[in-house]
Amino acid sequence: MDEIAYWGQMTEAEKAPVWERLEAQGYIALAEISHPT
């Protein structure tokens, strides 16, 4: 995933669609760990 290379420079707004794609692809656990509710 190219996002990882510049993840630290991305804003939350830029990350939102990435999280949605990860969750859609089945990486729900990863998203939950990184964004606890």
N, C-alpha and C. Protein backbone atom coordinates (compact mmCIF):
# COMPACT_ATOMS: atom_id res chain seq x y z
N MET A 1 0.83 -1.20 0.00
CA MET A 1 0.00 0.00 0.00
C MET A 1 0.87 1.25 0.00
N ASP A 2 0.68 2.07 -0.98
CA ASP A 2 1.49 3.28 -1.09
C ASP A 2 1.21 4.26 0.06
N GLU A 3 0.01 4.17 0.65
CA GLU A 3 -0.34 5.12 1.71
C GLU A 3 0.67 5.09 2.86
N ILE A 4 1.19 3.90 3.16
CA ILE A 4 2.08 3.75 4.31
C ILE A 4 3.32 4.65 4.18
N ALA A 5 3.79 4.85 2.97
CA ALA A 5 5.01 5.62 2.74
C ALA A 5 4.87 7.05 3.24
N TYR A 6 3.69 7.63 3.11
CA TYR A 6 3.51 9.02 3.53
C TYR A 6 2.37 9.18 4.54
N TRP A 7 2.05 8.08 5.22
CA TRP A 7 0.94 8.08 6.19
C TRP A 7 1.11 9.17 7.24
N GLY A 8 2.32 9.35 7.75
CA GLY A 8 2.56 10.32 8.81
C GLY A 8 2.33 11.75 8.38
N GLN A 9 2.31 11.99 7.06
CA GLN A 9 2.13 13.34 6.55
C GLN A 9 0.68 13.61 6.15
N MET A 10 -0.15 12.57 6.22
CA MET A 10 -1.54 12.71 5.80
C MET A 10 -2.39 13.27 6.92
N THR A 11 -3.42 14.03 6.55
CA THR A 11 -4.37 14.54 7.53
C THR A 11 -5.43 13.49 7.80
N GLU A 12 -6.20 13.67 8.86
CA GLU A 12 -7.27 12.72 9.16
C GLU A 12 -8.26 12.65 8.00
N ALA A 13 -8.53 13.79 7.37
CA ALA A 13 -9.47 13.81 6.24
C ALA A 13 -8.95 12.97 5.08
N GLU A 14 -7.63 12.99 4.89
CA GLU A 14 -7.03 12.19 3.82
C GLU A 14 -7.03 10.71 4.17
N LYS A 15 -6.95 10.41 5.46
CA LYS A 15 -6.91 9.01 5.89
C LYS A 15 -8.29 8.36 5.84
N ALA A 16 -9.35 9.15 6.00
CA ALA A 16 -10.70 8.60 6.11
C ALA A 16 -11.05 7.63 4.98
N PRO A 17 -10.88 8.02 3.71
CA PRO A 17 -11.21 7.08 2.63
C PRO A 17 -10.30 5.86 2.61
N VAL A 18 -9.08 6.01 3.11
CA VAL A 18 -8.17 4.87 3.18
C VAL A 18 -8.70 3.86 4.19
N TRP A 19 -9.13 4.36 5.36
CA TRP A 19 -9.71 3.48 6.38
C TRP A 19 -10.92 2.76 5.82
N GLU A 20 -11.76 3.50 5.09
CA GLU A 20 -12.97 2.89 4.53
C GLU A 20 -12.61 1.76 3.59
N ARG A 21 -11.57 1.96 2.78
CA ARG A 21 -11.16 0.91 1.84
C ARG A 21 -10.58 -0.29 2.60
N LEU A 22 -9.76 -0.02 3.61
CA LEU A 22 -9.19 -1.12 4.39
C LEU A 22 -10.29 -1.94 5.04
N GLU A 23 -11.27 -1.25 5.62
CA GLU A 23 -12.37 -1.95 6.27
C GLU A 23 -13.16 -2.77 5.24
N ALA A 24 -13.37 -2.20 4.07
CA ALA A 24 -14.11 -2.90 3.02
C ALA A 24 -13.36 -4.15 2.57
N GLN A 25 -12.03 -4.10 2.66
CA GLN A 25 -11.20 -5.23 2.23
C GLN A 25 -11.01 -6.25 3.35
N GLY A 26 -11.56 -5.96 4.53
CA GLY A 26 -11.51 -6.94 5.60
C GLY A 26 -10.49 -6.65 6.69
N TYR A 27 -9.91 -5.45 6.68
CA TYR A 27 -8.92 -5.11 7.70
C TYR A 27 -9.58 -4.36 8.86
N ILE A 28 -10.75 -4.83 9.26
CA ILE A 28 -11.50 -4.17 10.33
C ILE A 28 -10.67 -4.09 11.62
N ALA A 29 -10.00 -5.19 11.97
CA ALA A 29 -9.24 -5.25 13.22
C ALA A 29 -8.14 -4.19 13.23
N LEU A 30 -7.45 -4.03 12.11
CA LEU A 30 -6.39 -3.04 12.01
C LEU A 30 -6.95 -1.64 12.23
N ALA A 31 -8.08 -1.35 11.62
CA ALA A 31 -8.69 -0.04 11.76
C ALA A 31 -9.12 0.21 13.20
N GLU A 32 -9.65 -0.83 13.85
CA GLU A 32 -10.10 -0.67 15.23
C GLU A 32 -8.93 -0.44 16.18
N ILE A 33 -7.81 -1.09 15.92
CA ILE A 33 -6.63 -0.92 16.76
C ILE A 33 -6.08 0.50 16.62
N SER A 34 -6.07 1.01 15.40
CA SER A 34 -5.50 2.32 15.14
C SER A 34 -6.47 3.44 15.50
N HIS A 35 -7.76 3.16 15.45
CA HIS A 35 -8.77 4.16 15.77
C HIS A 35 -9.74 3.61 16.81
N PRO A 36 -9.30 3.48 18.05
CA PRO A 36 -10.18 2.94 19.09
C PRO A 36 -11.38 3.84 19.31
N THR A 37 -12.51 3.25 19.60
CA THR A 37 -13.73 4.03 19.82
C THR A 37 -13.84 4.43 21.28
